[in-house]
Amino acid sequence: MSSSRASSSPSSSPASPSPAPGHSRTPSISKLTPETRKQLATFSIHSTIFLSLISLRILNAVTNRTFFQPDEYFQSLEPAWDAAFGDGAWVTWEWQQQLRSFLHPAIFAVLFKSVNFLCNLLHLSPQRTADFLAISPRILQAIFCALGDWSTARLAGRLWGSDVGWIALCLSLGSAWQWFCGVRTFANSLETVITGVGLGLWPWELVASMGVKRRVDWVETRWALAAAATACVLRPTNVLIWGCLGAFAVVNAGRRRVRLVVEAVWIGLTVLSLNALIDRAYYGVWTFPPLTFLKFNVLHSLSVFYGSNPIHYYLSQGLPLLLTSFLPLTLFALYRSLSSPPTSPSFQLASTVLAVTTIYSCISHKEARFLYPLLPILHVLAANTLQNLRISDSVRNRILVVMIALNIPVAYYGSMVHQRGVIDVMAHLSSTSDSWNSAGFLMPCHSTPWRASMPLPISSDRKMWALTCEPPVTLSVEERRTYVDEADQFYNNPKGFVRWYVGDGKRYEWPDRIVAFEDLGDVNSLIPVVSGTSALSGTGLPGLPGVSSYEVCWRGFNSHWHDDWRRRGEVVVWCRKSLK
C-alpha cells in the first residue's frame, strides 16, 4: 500500500509539471488511489443523501399545520423564549418547581439569540425578525429529525448490511408517526434522535455476536455513551433503554467489561456535570431535576392529574399509533428476534423493547410518545425481518411500497387537518396584531401555542391571558382530592367563573379578543348584567370607549372529532364591539 501511494504521488513523477509560484499542488482524481477514490465517492453519496433528508424534513416541518400536545411548546420553546428575551413567555409550573432540565430549552434559547443577532446584523425589520424567530425552531428540529432518519439507517446497515439499511431508511421516511411527530419540538423527539445516534455508535462488536468479529472502536463507543447519558438527562425514563442494553454489555463484554464500565462512569459524570452547570445558570441554584422529576411523578403520582390509562394502552393504542401499517411486520419481527440467541443484536434490541414497554405499562399516566425512542429499534428489526423473508425482491418491494402508501393519508390528515384551528388562530392574531392590544383564551389550558410561536416583534406590548391547570403541587393528600384547577372551574360554571374572575381589578381584564371553541356558545351570554346594562358598558378599559358586547370576527376549522368535548367545534375569535 505504501509503495502504491508513493508511485501515485505527483511529486514522484518526473513528468509532473511544476506548480505555479504561490500555488499549492492538488492531486487530480486520476492520481488518487482506488481506496481513496472509493472513500470520496462514498462520502459524496452519503452527503447527498443526508442533504436530501434535511430538505425533505424541512418541507415536513413547514407544512406541519396541526396541534398535538402542549409539551411541544411549553416544555421547550416557552422557557427558551423566556431565557432569551423574557418577553411574554408562559413559564409553566414544571419550571417553577425545577422539575425539568434546561438542557433542551437551552438549545432553542441559543437559537433564538443567534437568529435575533443575525437579523439585527442584516438590519431586518422587527416583523421580519419575528417571522424568522417563529420558524427557526422548526428548521432546527427538521435537521435533528433528518439525523434520526440517518442514524436509523446506519444502525440497520451496520448490523445487517446495506440492503437492510435502505429498508430501515424507507420505513423511517414512510412512517406516519415520524412525519407527524419527528419535526415537533418535543423533548421526546430529540430524545429519539439521540437514542438512535447512540444505538448506531454502540459497540455491538463487543457486546453481541455479529458474524465477523471486528475491532471495537472506542472513540465511537465514547460517543455512544455520551449520547446515552444526554438522552437520559433529557428524559430520565430513557435510562430504561440504556439500562437494558448496558446489562447485556456487562454480561457479554468479557475481559473488556471493566474498561466499558469505566468509560461509562466518567462520561456519564461529565455529562451530568455539564448539565448541572446549565441548570445552575437557568435556575440560579444548584438542583438535580431528574430526582425532582421522579419524586413528583413516582412518589407523589402527580402525573395522574393529567390522566390515567388502562394497563393494555401501549399494546392496544401506543404501538399501533407509532407503527400504523408497519405493526404486523414489526410484531412478527419482535417474535423472531426474541427467538434468536441472547448474544445477537436482534435479541438484545427486542428484549429492550419488551422490557421498556412492560415497565411503562405499569405506570398510570401513559402517552404514545413515551414509546417514541423505541421507534428506531422497531424500524430496524422490521427492516431486517422483511429482508430475510423467503420472497423475491419484487414481492418484497411491493410489500414495502404498500405499507408506506397506507401511511401517506394518515400522515397528511395528522399533519395538515386534525387540530389545525388552534394553530391557524395564532397566525390570525399575529396578522391582525395592529387591531388588538389584549386577547383572552376561554379554552382548556394550553390549547394553543404561545408567545414563542407567534411572529410578533420581541418588544410587542400585546397582552394575552389563558385559563391554567396547575396541579396541586403544594397541597396535602386530603386537599388534592377536592382540588379543581382553573380550567375545570370555568367549564363547571362558566358564568360564575366570569363573574368572579373577569373584569376591572379582577384576575383577568376584559380583552379586545376572546378566543374559544365553538361548543362554548355565545360569549356574550357569559357577560354579567348589572342594573340592566352590560358589565362591560359605560367604563370600558382605560383610554378606550365603552363596550356593549362581542361579535364573531374570525372562525376556523379545527377537527372533525375530538375526545375532549370542550375542544369540539371550530375555533372562534370574538372581537369587542365599541359603543356607537
Protein backbone atom coordinates (compact mmCIF):
# COMPACT_ATOMS: atom_id res chain seq x y z
CA MET A 1 0.00 0.00 0.00
CA SER A 2 2.81 2.41 0.82
CA SER A 3 4.55 1.81 -2.50
CA SER A 4 1.30 2.31 -4.34
CA ARG A 5 0.72 5.60 -2.64
CA ALA A 6 4.29 6.66 -3.37
CA SER A 7 4.07 5.82 -7.06
CA SER A 8 0.81 7.66 -7.45
CA SER A 9 2.10 10.79 -5.78
CA PRO A 10 2.51 13.76 -8.19
CA SER A 11 5.88 14.61 -6.73
CA SER A 12 7.24 11.18 -7.59
CA SER A 13 6.50 11.52 -11.31
CA PRO A 14 9.21 13.23 -13.38
CA ALA A 15 6.64 14.25 -15.97
CA SER A 16 4.60 16.17 -13.46
CA PRO A 17 4.52 19.90 -14.20
CA SER A 18 5.85 22.25 -11.59
CA PRO A 19 3.21 24.25 -9.73
CA ALA A 20 2.95 27.96 -10.37
CA PRO A 21 4.66 30.12 -7.77
CA GLY A 22 2.40 30.81 -4.81
CA HIS A 23 0.02 27.95 -5.62
CA SER A 24 -0.27 24.66 -3.74
CA ARG A 25 -0.38 21.42 -5.65
CA THR A 26 -3.72 19.50 -5.50
CA PRO A 27 -3.63 15.94 -6.84
CA SER A 28 -6.18 15.17 -9.53
CA ILE A 29 -8.78 12.46 -9.06
CA SER A 30 -6.95 10.23 -11.53
CA LYS A 31 -3.83 10.31 -9.32
CA LEU A 32 -5.65 9.10 -6.20
CA THR A 33 -5.50 5.51 -5.07
CA PRO A 34 -8.57 3.32 -5.72
CA GLU A 35 -9.25 3.18 -1.99
CA THR A 36 -9.20 6.99 -1.70
CA ARG A 37 -11.43 7.40 -4.76
CA LYS A 38 -13.88 4.93 -3.24
CA GLN A 39 -13.90 6.87 0.04
CA LEU A 40 -14.53 10.15 -1.76
CA ALA A 41 -17.36 8.62 -3.79
CA THR A 42 -18.91 7.16 -0.66
CA PHE A 43 -18.62 10.50 1.14
CA SER A 44 -20.23 12.28 -1.81
CA ILE A 45 -23.14 9.82 -1.92
CA HIS A 46 -23.68 9.98 1.82
CA SER A 47 -23.56 13.80 1.80
CA THR A 48 -26.12 13.94 -0.99
CA ILE A 49 -28.43 11.54 0.84
CA PHE A 50 -28.15 13.44 4.13
CA LEU A 51 -28.77 16.83 2.48
CA SER A 52 -31.79 15.32 0.73
CA LEU A 53 -33.08 14.09 4.08
CA ILE A 54 -32.69 17.57 5.55
CA SER A 55 -34.57 19.11 2.62
CA LEU A 56 -37.40 16.61 2.98
CA ARG A 57 -37.70 17.18 6.73
CA ILE A 58 -37.69 20.96 6.31
CA LEU A 59 -40.61 20.53 3.90
CA ASN A 60 -42.18 18.28 6.53
CA ALA A 61 -41.69 20.95 9.21
CA VAL A 62 -43.03 23.96 7.32
CA THR A 63 -46.13 22.07 6.12
CA ASN A 64 -47.00 20.71 9.57
CA ARG A 65 -50.00 22.85 10.50
CA THR A 66 -51.61 20.95 13.37
CA PHE A 67 -51.51 20.77 17.15
CA PHE A 68 -50.58 17.61 19.04
CA GLN A 69 -49.60 18.12 22.69
CA PRO A 70 -48.84 21.36 24.60
CA ASP A 71 -45.45 20.00 25.71
CA GLU A 72 -44.25 20.78 22.19
CA TYR A 73 -44.29 24.45 23.22
CA PHE A 74 -44.44 24.74 26.99
CA GLN A 75 -41.59 22.34 27.81
CA SER A 76 -39.22 23.71 25.19
CA LEU A 77 -39.97 26.95 23.35
CA GLU A 78 -41.61 28.99 26.10
CA PRO A 79 -38.84 28.58 28.71
CA ALA A 80 -36.31 29.12 25.89
CA TRP A 81 -38.02 32.37 24.86
CA ASP A 82 -38.15 33.45 28.49
CA ALA A 83 -34.40 32.82 28.89
CA ALA A 84 -33.58 34.60 25.62
CA PHE A 85 -35.88 37.62 25.80
CA GLY A 86 -38.13 37.39 28.89
CA ASP A 87 -40.96 38.90 26.87
CA GLY A 88 -44.42 37.47 27.49
CA ALA A 89 -43.41 33.79 27.68
CA TRP A 90 -45.61 31.37 29.60
CA VAL A 91 -43.34 29.54 32.04
CA THR A 92 -45.37 26.67 33.49
CA TRP A 93 -45.25 25.13 36.92
CA GLU A 94 -42.68 22.44 35.96
CA TRP A 95 -40.01 25.11 35.56
CA GLN A 96 -41.01 26.91 38.73
CA GLN A 97 -40.65 23.62 40.63
CA GLN A 98 -37.30 22.79 38.94
CA LEU A 99 -38.85 19.62 37.58
CA ARG A 100 -37.03 19.57 34.23
CA SER A 101 -33.52 20.03 32.98
CA PHE A 102 -32.99 23.20 30.97
CA LEU A 103 -30.73 21.36 28.51
CA HIS A 104 -33.43 21.02 25.84
CA PRO A 105 -34.76 24.62 26.03
CA ALA A 106 -31.16 25.86 26.15
CA ILE A 107 -30.72 24.67 22.56
CA PHE A 108 -33.61 26.85 21.42
CA ALA A 109 -32.59 29.76 23.64
CA VAL A 110 -29.21 29.83 21.89
CA LEU A 111 -31.03 29.55 18.55
CA PHE A 112 -33.32 32.48 19.38
CA LYS A 113 -30.41 34.67 20.43
CA SER A 114 -28.40 33.72 17.34
CA VAL A 115 -31.26 34.35 14.91
CA ASN A 116 -32.03 37.68 16.55
CA PHE A 117 -28.36 38.71 16.36
CA LEU A 118 -28.14 37.83 12.66
CA CYS A 119 -31.38 39.63 11.84
CA ASN A 120 -30.15 42.75 13.63
CA LEU A 121 -26.82 42.45 11.84
CA LEU A 122 -28.68 42.40 8.50
CA HIS A 123 -30.92 45.30 9.62
CA LEU A 124 -34.12 43.35 9.05
CA SER A 125 -37.42 44.85 10.17
CA PRO A 126 -38.87 43.80 13.55
CA GLN A 127 -41.70 41.91 11.81
CA ARG A 128 -39.31 40.04 9.52
CA THR A 129 -37.15 39.19 12.53
CA ALA A 130 -40.23 37.89 14.31
CA ASP A 131 -41.04 35.66 11.33
CA PHE A 132 -37.57 34.13 11.38
CA LEU A 133 -37.70 33.63 15.15
CA ALA A 134 -41.01 31.78 14.85
CA ILE A 135 -39.88 29.43 12.07
CA SER A 136 -36.30 28.77 13.24
CA PRO A 137 -37.15 26.07 15.86
CA ARG A 138 -38.97 24.07 13.19
CA ILE A 139 -35.99 24.24 10.85
CA LEU A 140 -33.60 23.12 13.58
CA GLN A 141 -35.88 20.27 14.61
CA ALA A 142 -36.12 19.23 10.94
CA ILE A 143 -32.33 18.86 10.86
CA PHE A 144 -32.49 16.78 14.05
CA CYS A 145 -35.20 14.60 12.51
CA ALA A 146 -33.10 14.03 9.37
CA LEU A 147 -30.23 12.96 11.64
CA GLY A 148 -32.62 10.50 13.27
CA ASP A 149 -33.55 9.01 9.88
CA TRP A 150 -29.88 8.73 9.00
CA SER A 151 -28.99 7.10 12.33
CA THR A 152 -31.76 4.51 11.94
CA ALA A 153 -30.43 3.53 8.52
CA ARG A 154 -26.86 3.47 9.81
CA LEU A 155 -27.78 1.19 12.70
CA ALA A 156 -29.55 -1.29 10.43
CA GLY A 157 -26.77 -1.18 7.84
CA ARG A 158 -24.08 -1.68 10.44
CA LEU A 159 -25.82 -4.70 11.97
CA TRP A 160 -27.17 -6.47 8.89
CA GLY A 161 -25.84 -4.83 5.73
CA SER A 162 -26.73 -2.04 3.31
CA ASP A 163 -29.88 -3.71 1.97
CA VAL A 164 -31.42 -3.74 5.45
CA GLY A 165 -30.16 -0.17 5.95
CA TRP A 166 -32.06 1.04 2.88
CA ILE A 167 -35.26 -0.68 4.03
CA ALA A 168 -34.92 0.87 7.51
CA LEU A 169 -34.46 4.31 5.91
CA CYS A 170 -37.60 3.80 3.82
CA LEU A 171 -39.55 2.76 6.92
CA SER A 172 -38.37 5.82 8.82
CA LEU A 173 -39.21 8.18 5.97
CA GLY A 174 -42.53 6.44 5.30
CA SER A 175 -43.63 6.41 8.93
CA ALA A 176 -46.77 8.46 9.53
CA TRP A 177 -45.77 8.94 13.17
CA GLN A 178 -42.30 10.14 12.21
CA TRP A 179 -43.81 12.60 9.72
CA PHE A 180 -46.35 13.77 12.30
CA CYS A 181 -44.13 13.98 15.39
CA GLY A 182 -40.49 14.00 14.31
CA VAL A 183 -40.34 17.69 13.41
CA ARG A 184 -42.13 18.86 16.55
CA THR A 185 -40.07 20.42 19.34
CA PHE A 186 -40.82 17.74 21.92
CA ALA A 187 -38.10 16.56 24.26
CA ASN A 188 -39.26 13.09 23.17
CA SER A 189 -38.39 13.92 19.55
CA LEU A 190 -34.83 14.94 20.36
CA GLU A 191 -34.56 12.03 22.81
CA THR A 192 -35.45 9.67 19.95
CA VAL A 193 -32.81 11.19 17.68
CA ILE A 194 -30.08 10.99 20.32
CA THR A 195 -31.10 7.43 21.19
CA GLY A 196 -30.83 6.48 17.51
CA VAL A 197 -27.41 8.10 17.25
CA GLY A 198 -26.23 6.24 20.34
CA LEU A 199 -27.54 2.91 19.03
CA GLY A 200 -25.72 3.45 15.73
CA LEU A 201 -22.44 4.01 17.58
CA TRP A 202 -22.98 1.31 20.22
CA PRO A 203 -20.12 -1.25 20.47
CA TRP A 204 -22.09 -4.17 19.05
CA GLU A 205 -18.82 -5.89 18.14
CA LEU A 206 -18.08 -6.02 21.85
CA VAL A 207 -21.44 -6.99 23.33
CA ALA A 208 -23.11 -9.07 20.59
CA SER A 209 -22.22 -11.74 18.05
CA MET A 210 -22.28 -10.20 14.57
CA GLY A 211 -20.83 -12.98 12.47
CA VAL A 212 -17.47 -11.43 11.60
CA LYS A 213 -15.67 -10.24 14.73
CA ARG A 214 -14.36 -6.72 14.30
CA ARG A 215 -12.19 -4.49 16.38
CA VAL A 216 -14.03 -2.25 18.85
CA ASP A 217 -13.85 1.45 18.01
CA TRP A 218 -13.51 3.02 21.45
CA VAL A 219 -13.91 6.55 20.07
CA GLU A 220 -17.33 5.63 18.70
CA THR A 221 -18.11 3.85 21.95
CA ARG A 222 -17.41 7.01 23.94
CA TRP A 223 -19.73 8.98 21.66
CA ALA A 224 -22.40 6.31 22.11
CA LEU A 225 -22.09 6.55 25.90
CA ALA A 226 -22.24 10.36 25.70
CA ALA A 227 -25.42 10.10 23.59
CA ALA A 228 -26.93 7.68 26.10
CA ALA A 229 -26.15 9.98 29.03
CA THR A 230 -27.55 13.01 27.19
CA ALA A 231 -30.77 11.16 26.33
CA CYS A 232 -31.19 10.22 29.99
CA VAL A 233 -30.73 13.85 31.03
CA LEU A 234 -33.36 14.97 28.51
CA ARG A 235 -35.85 12.34 29.70
CA PRO A 236 -34.88 10.40 32.85
CA THR A 237 -37.05 7.47 31.74
CA ASN A 238 -34.62 6.88 28.86
CA VAL A 239 -32.39 5.18 31.42
CA LEU A 240 -34.61 2.11 30.95
CA ILE A 241 -33.40 1.67 27.38
CA TRP A 242 -29.73 2.04 28.19
CA GLY A 243 -30.10 0.06 31.40
CA CYS A 244 -31.26 -2.93 29.37
CA LEU A 245 -28.54 -2.57 26.74
CA GLY A 246 -25.95 -1.86 29.43
CA ALA A 247 -26.88 -5.06 31.25
CA PHE A 248 -26.29 -7.07 28.07
CA ALA A 249 -22.99 -5.24 27.61
CA VAL A 250 -21.74 -6.06 31.10
CA VAL A 251 -22.67 -9.72 30.68
CA ASN A 252 -21.19 -10.18 27.20
CA ALA A 253 -18.16 -7.86 27.16
CA GLY A 254 -15.81 -10.41 28.72
CA ARG A 255 -12.40 -9.10 29.70
CA ARG A 256 -13.21 -5.64 28.34
CA ARG A 257 -16.22 -5.11 30.59
CA VAL A 258 -14.13 -3.20 33.15
CA ARG A 259 -13.00 -0.69 30.56
CA LEU A 260 -16.56 -0.32 29.29
CA VAL A 261 -17.84 0.39 32.80
CA VAL A 262 -15.04 2.88 33.49
CA GLU A 263 -15.76 4.69 30.22
CA ALA A 264 -19.48 4.79 31.05
CA VAL A 265 -18.87 6.19 34.53
CA TRP A 266 -16.56 9.06 33.60
CA ILE A 267 -18.58 10.03 30.52
CA GLY A 268 -21.83 9.89 32.47
CA LEU A 269 -20.40 12.05 35.26
CA THR A 270 -19.08 14.53 32.69
CA VAL A 271 -22.49 14.89 31.02
CA LEU A 272 -24.24 15.24 34.38
CA SER A 273 -21.74 17.90 35.48
CA LEU A 274 -22.19 19.94 32.30
CA ASN A 275 -25.95 19.66 32.62
CA ALA A 276 -25.74 20.75 36.27
CA LEU A 277 -23.94 23.92 35.14
CA ILE A 278 -26.68 24.63 32.59
CA ASP A 279 -29.40 24.14 35.22
CA ARG A 280 -27.46 26.27 37.70
CA ALA A 281 -27.28 29.10 35.17
CA TYR A 282 -31.04 28.92 34.49
CA TYR A 283 -32.49 28.27 37.94
CA GLY A 284 -29.91 30.29 39.88
CA VAL A 285 -29.36 27.45 42.38
CA TRP A 286 -27.82 24.00 42.28
CA THR A 287 -30.52 21.48 41.51
CA PHE A 288 -30.95 17.97 40.11
CA PRO A 289 -34.18 17.90 38.02
CA PRO A 290 -34.19 14.12 37.31
CA LEU A 291 -34.53 13.46 41.04
CA THR A 292 -37.32 16.05 41.33
CA PHE A 293 -38.99 14.54 38.26
CA LEU A 294 -39.05 11.09 39.84
CA LYS A 295 -40.27 12.47 43.17
CA PHE A 296 -43.24 14.27 41.62
CA ASN A 297 -44.24 11.55 39.16
CA VAL A 298 -43.46 8.40 41.16
CA LEU A 299 -43.63 9.23 44.87
CA HIS A 300 -46.43 11.83 44.65
CA SER A 301 -48.10 10.42 41.48
CA LEU A 302 -48.88 13.91 40.20
CA SER A 303 -48.72 12.68 36.61
CA VAL A 304 -52.09 11.00 37.23
CA PHE A 305 -53.53 14.53 37.48
CA TYR A 306 -53.17 14.68 33.68
CA GLY A 307 -54.97 11.39 33.10
CA SER A 308 -54.56 7.63 33.55
CA ASN A 309 -54.87 4.79 31.07
CA PRO A 310 -55.51 1.03 31.27
CA ILE A 311 -52.56 -1.33 31.53
CA HIS A 312 -53.02 -2.51 27.93
CA TYR A 313 -52.81 1.03 26.49
CA TYR A 314 -49.42 0.64 24.83
CA LEU A 315 -50.42 -2.64 23.19
CA SER A 316 -53.90 -1.55 22.12
CA GLN A 317 -53.12 2.09 21.21
CA GLY A 318 -49.48 3.13 21.72
CA LEU A 319 -47.72 0.71 19.37
CA PRO A 320 -50.49 0.85 16.71
CA LEU A 321 -50.18 4.65 16.65
CA LEU A 322 -46.39 4.50 16.34
CA LEU A 323 -46.33 1.79 13.68
CA THR A 324 -49.66 2.05 11.78
CA SER A 325 -49.35 -0.29 8.76
CA PHE A 326 -45.92 -1.48 9.92
CA LEU A 327 -47.47 -3.11 13.02
CA PRO A 328 -47.98 -6.72 11.73
CA LEU A 329 -44.46 -6.91 10.30
CA THR A 330 -42.95 -5.39 13.46
CA LEU A 331 -44.78 -7.77 15.81
CA PHE A 332 -43.52 -10.69 13.73
CA ALA A 333 -40.04 -9.18 13.86
CA LEU A 334 -40.19 -8.96 17.65
CA TYR A 335 -41.30 -12.60 17.85
CA ARG A 336 -38.46 -13.79 15.60
CA SER A 337 -35.91 -11.62 17.36
CA LEU A 338 -36.84 -12.91 20.80
CA SER A 339 -36.26 -16.42 19.42
CA SER A 340 -32.70 -15.50 18.44
CA PRO A 341 -29.60 -16.31 20.55
CA PRO A 342 -29.21 -13.97 23.55
CA THR A 343 -25.90 -12.70 22.18
CA SER A 344 -27.44 -11.49 18.91
CA PRO A 345 -28.20 -7.75 18.38
CA SER A 346 -31.79 -8.58 17.38
CA PHE A 347 -32.45 -10.37 20.69
CA GLN A 348 -30.95 -7.54 22.73
CA LEU A 349 -32.94 -4.88 20.88
CA ALA A 350 -36.22 -6.83 21.02
CA SER A 351 -35.72 -7.58 24.74
CA THR A 352 -35.19 -3.87 25.36
CA VAL A 353 -38.46 -3.06 23.59
CA LEU A 354 -40.31 -5.71 25.62
CA ALA A 355 -38.84 -4.63 28.95
CA VAL A 356 -39.40 -0.89 28.45
CA THR A 357 -42.97 -1.36 27.22
CA THR A 358 -43.77 -3.62 30.17
CA ILE A 359 -42.42 -1.15 32.72
CA TYR A 360 -44.20 1.79 31.07
CA SER A 361 -47.45 -0.21 31.14
CA CYS A 362 -47.28 -0.33 34.93
CA ILE A 363 -47.32 3.49 35.15
CA SER A 364 -50.78 5.04 35.31
CA HIS A 365 -50.16 8.05 33.06
CA LYS A 366 -49.43 6.86 29.53
CA GLU A 367 -48.88 8.58 26.20
CA ALA A 368 -47.89 7.06 22.86
CA ARG A 369 -44.97 9.46 22.52
CA PHE A 370 -43.35 7.98 25.63
CA LEU A 371 -42.53 4.94 23.45
CA TYR A 372 -41.18 7.14 20.67
CA PRO A 373 -37.47 6.47 21.49
CA LEU A 374 -38.12 2.80 20.72
CA LEU A 375 -39.19 3.57 17.15
CA PRO A 376 -35.67 3.37 15.61
CA ILE A 377 -35.29 -0.08 17.17
CA LEU A 378 -38.68 -1.18 15.86
CA HIS A 379 -37.85 0.05 12.37
CA VAL A 380 -34.51 -1.76 12.14
CA LEU A 381 -35.98 -5.01 13.46
CA ALA A 382 -38.83 -4.78 10.94
CA ALA A 383 -36.37 -4.00 8.15
CA ASN A 384 -34.20 -7.00 8.99
CA THR A 385 -37.20 -9.32 9.11
CA LEU A 386 -38.55 -8.05 5.78
CA GLN A 387 -35.16 -8.57 4.14
CA ASN A 388 -34.94 -12.14 5.46
CA LEU A 389 -38.40 -13.24 4.34
CA ARG A 390 -38.21 -16.03 1.76
CA ILE A 391 -39.76 -13.99 -1.01
CA SER A 392 -38.50 -12.45 -4.23
CA ASP A 393 -37.12 -8.93 -4.33
CA SER A 394 -40.09 -7.73 -6.38
CA VAL A 395 -42.58 -9.04 -3.82
CA ARG A 396 -40.52 -7.53 -1.01
CA ASN A 397 -40.54 -4.15 -2.75
CA ARG A 398 -44.30 -4.31 -3.29
CA ILE A 399 -44.87 -5.04 0.41
CA LEU A 400 -42.69 -2.07 1.35
CA VAL A 401 -44.44 0.26 -1.09
CA VAL A 402 -47.92 -0.78 0.07
CA MET A 403 -47.04 -0.32 3.76
CA ILE A 404 -45.65 3.16 3.11
CA ALA A 405 -48.56 4.12 0.83
CA LEU A 406 -51.01 3.32 3.63
CA ASN A 407 -49.14 5.79 5.86
CA ILE A 408 -49.46 8.73 3.46
CA PRO A 409 -53.14 9.64 4.13
CA VAL A 410 -52.59 9.17 7.87
CA ALA A 411 -49.55 11.47 7.79
CA TYR A 412 -51.44 14.06 5.73
CA TYR A 413 -54.51 14.08 7.96
CA GLY A 414 -52.48 14.25 11.16
CA SER A 415 -50.13 16.97 9.94
CA MET A 416 -52.46 19.12 7.84
CA VAL A 417 -56.05 18.63 9.05
CA HIS A 418 -56.66 17.37 12.60
CA GLN A 419 -56.47 20.17 15.21
CA ARG A 420 -55.25 22.85 12.84
CA GLY A 421 -57.61 25.59 14.05
CA VAL A 422 -55.66 26.20 17.25
CA ILE A 423 -52.57 26.83 15.09
CA ASP A 424 -54.39 28.94 12.49
CA VAL A 425 -55.88 31.20 15.15
CA MET A 426 -52.42 32.22 16.36
CA ALA A 427 -51.46 33.09 12.78
CA HIS A 428 -54.66 35.14 12.52
CA LEU A 429 -53.93 37.02 15.72
CA SER A 430 -50.38 37.70 14.52
CA SER A 431 -51.54 39.02 11.15
CA THR A 432 -54.13 41.32 12.79
CA SER A 433 -52.00 42.43 15.73
CA ASP A 434 -52.46 46.10 14.81
CA SER A 435 -56.17 45.88 15.67
CA TRP A 436 -55.94 44.48 19.20
CA ASN A 437 -53.98 45.06 22.40
CA SER A 438 -55.19 42.15 24.52
CA ALA A 439 -56.53 38.64 23.99
CA GLY A 440 -58.09 36.11 26.34
CA PHE A 441 -58.41 32.38 25.73
CA LEU A 442 -61.52 30.79 27.24
CA MET A 443 -60.35 27.30 26.34
CA PRO A 444 -58.96 24.28 28.17
CA CYS A 445 -55.46 25.11 29.36
CA HIS A 446 -52.59 25.05 26.85
CA SER A 447 -54.93 24.56 23.88
CA THR A 448 -52.77 26.71 21.62
CA PRO A 449 -49.10 27.60 21.18
CA TRP A 450 -47.99 30.77 22.95
CA ARG A 451 -45.54 33.63 22.69
CA ALA A 452 -42.52 31.82 21.23
CA SER A 453 -44.60 30.57 18.29
CA MET A 454 -46.29 33.87 17.47
CA PRO A 455 -44.47 36.01 14.88
CA LEU A 456 -44.79 39.24 16.86
CA PRO A 457 -41.86 41.64 17.36
CA ILE A 458 -39.89 40.96 20.53
CA SER A 459 -40.92 44.22 22.19
CA SER A 460 -44.61 43.78 21.32
CA ASP A 461 -46.91 45.13 24.03
CA ARG A 462 -49.77 42.74 23.19
CA LYS A 463 -51.11 41.11 26.35
CA MET A 464 -52.58 37.61 26.42
CA TRP A 465 -54.09 35.50 29.16
CA ALA A 466 -55.47 31.95 29.26
CA LEU A 467 -57.01 29.54 31.73
CA THR A 468 -54.48 27.49 33.69
CA CYS A 469 -54.45 23.92 35.01
CA GLU A 470 -51.66 23.85 37.58
CA PRO A 471 -51.55 20.58 39.57
CA PRO A 472 -51.93 20.61 43.36
CA VAL A 473 -48.20 20.67 43.99
CA THR A 474 -48.24 22.25 47.45
CA LEU A 475 -51.48 20.74 48.75
CA SER A 476 -51.87 17.86 51.16
CA VAL A 477 -53.21 14.48 50.10
CA GLU A 478 -56.63 15.33 51.53
CA GLU A 479 -56.75 18.68 49.77
CA ARG A 480 -55.81 17.12 46.43
CA ARG A 481 -58.98 15.01 46.45
CA THR A 482 -61.18 18.09 46.20
CA TYR A 483 -58.83 20.24 44.12
CA VAL A 484 -60.25 21.71 40.90
CA ASP A 485 -57.95 23.59 38.54
CA GLU A 486 -58.87 26.89 36.93
CA ALA A 487 -59.91 25.47 33.56
CA ASP A 488 -62.23 22.95 35.20
CA GLN A 489 -63.67 25.69 37.42
CA PHE A 490 -64.58 27.63 34.30
CA TYR A 491 -66.22 24.71 32.49
CA ASN A 492 -68.08 23.63 35.64
CA ASN A 493 -69.65 27.09 35.93
CA PRO A 494 -68.75 29.46 33.06
CA LYS A 495 -70.97 32.34 34.14
CA GLY A 496 -69.89 32.12 37.75
CA PHE A 497 -66.20 32.00 36.82
CA VAL A 498 -66.51 35.07 34.59
CA ARG A 499 -68.44 36.95 37.28
CA TRP A 500 -65.82 36.18 39.92
CA TYR A 501 -62.59 36.45 37.98
CA VAL A 502 -63.04 38.60 34.86
CA GLY A 503 -63.43 42.38 34.94
CA ASP A 504 -61.74 45.57 36.08
CA GLY A 505 -59.44 44.91 39.02
CA LYS A 506 -60.06 41.16 38.94
CA ARG A 507 -57.79 38.29 37.96
CA TYR A 508 -58.32 38.93 34.24
CA GLU A 509 -59.30 42.07 32.34
CA TRP A 510 -61.89 42.01 29.57
CA PRO A 511 -59.76 41.67 26.39
CA ASP A 512 -60.09 43.04 22.87
CA ARG A 513 -60.26 39.47 21.55
CA ILE A 514 -61.72 36.35 23.12
CA VAL A 515 -60.69 33.01 21.64
CA ALA A 516 -62.91 30.00 22.32
CA PHE A 517 -64.12 26.74 20.86
CA GLU A 518 -67.45 26.81 19.06
CA ASP A 519 -69.17 24.50 21.55
CA LEU A 520 -68.77 27.13 24.27
CA GLY A 521 -71.56 29.09 22.57
CA ASP A 522 -72.11 32.83 22.58
CA VAL A 523 -69.57 34.50 24.88
CA ASN A 524 -71.96 37.43 25.32
CA SER A 525 -74.15 35.12 27.42
CA LEU A 526 -71.30 34.91 29.93
CA ILE A 527 -71.09 38.67 30.49
CA PRO A 528 -72.82 39.54 33.76
CA VAL A 529 -75.59 42.14 33.70
CA VAL A 530 -75.72 44.84 36.39
CA SER A 531 -78.72 47.20 36.72
CA GLY A 532 -79.95 46.36 33.25
CA THR A 533 -76.67 47.14 31.48
CA SER A 534 -73.72 45.05 30.42
CA ALA A 535 -70.90 44.86 32.90
CA LEU A 536 -68.67 45.96 30.05
CA SER A 537 -70.58 49.05 29.10
CA GLY A 538 -70.00 52.52 30.41
CA THR A 539 -66.48 52.43 31.75
CA GLY A 540 -64.75 50.12 29.29
CA LEU A 541 -60.99 49.90 29.60
CA PRO A 542 -58.76 52.88 30.37
CA GLY A 543 -58.44 55.16 27.36
CA LEU A 544 -60.98 53.19 25.32
CA PRO A 545 -64.68 53.75 24.60
CA GLY A 546 -67.30 51.65 26.38
CA VAL A 547 -68.10 48.19 25.12
CA SER A 548 -71.52 46.68 24.63
CA SER A 549 -70.70 43.15 23.51
CA TYR A 550 -68.52 40.90 21.35
CA GLU A 551 -69.09 39.76 17.79
CA VAL A 552 -67.56 36.91 15.79
CA CYS A 553 -64.73 38.24 13.59
CA TRP A 554 -62.94 35.00 12.66
CA ARG A 555 -63.58 31.29 12.77
CA GLY A 556 -61.54 28.36 11.54
CA PHE A 557 -61.92 24.61 11.22
CA ASN A 558 -60.18 22.65 13.95
CA SER A 559 -61.09 18.95 13.77
CA HIS A 560 -63.78 16.54 12.62
CA TRP A 561 -63.82 14.88 16.03
CA HIS A 562 -62.17 15.21 19.43
CA ASP A 563 -62.04 13.02 22.52
CA ASP A 564 -62.36 16.13 24.74
CA TRP A 565 -65.87 17.58 24.49
CA ARG A 566 -64.55 21.00 25.49
CA ARG A 567 -62.41 21.17 22.33
CA ARG A 568 -65.12 20.24 19.82
CA GLY A 569 -66.22 22.53 17.03
CA GLU A 570 -64.44 25.34 15.22
CA VAL A 571 -62.12 27.85 16.84
CA VAL A 572 -63.85 31.22 17.09
CA VAL A 573 -62.42 34.68 17.69
CA TRP A 574 -64.79 37.22 19.25
CA CYS A 575 -63.94 40.90 18.71
CA ARG A 576 -65.00 43.61 21.11
CA LYS A 577 -67.65 45.96 19.70
CA SER A 578 -67.31 49.60 20.63
CA LEU A 579 -70.40 51.62 21.51
CA LYS A 580 -71.54 53.91 18.71
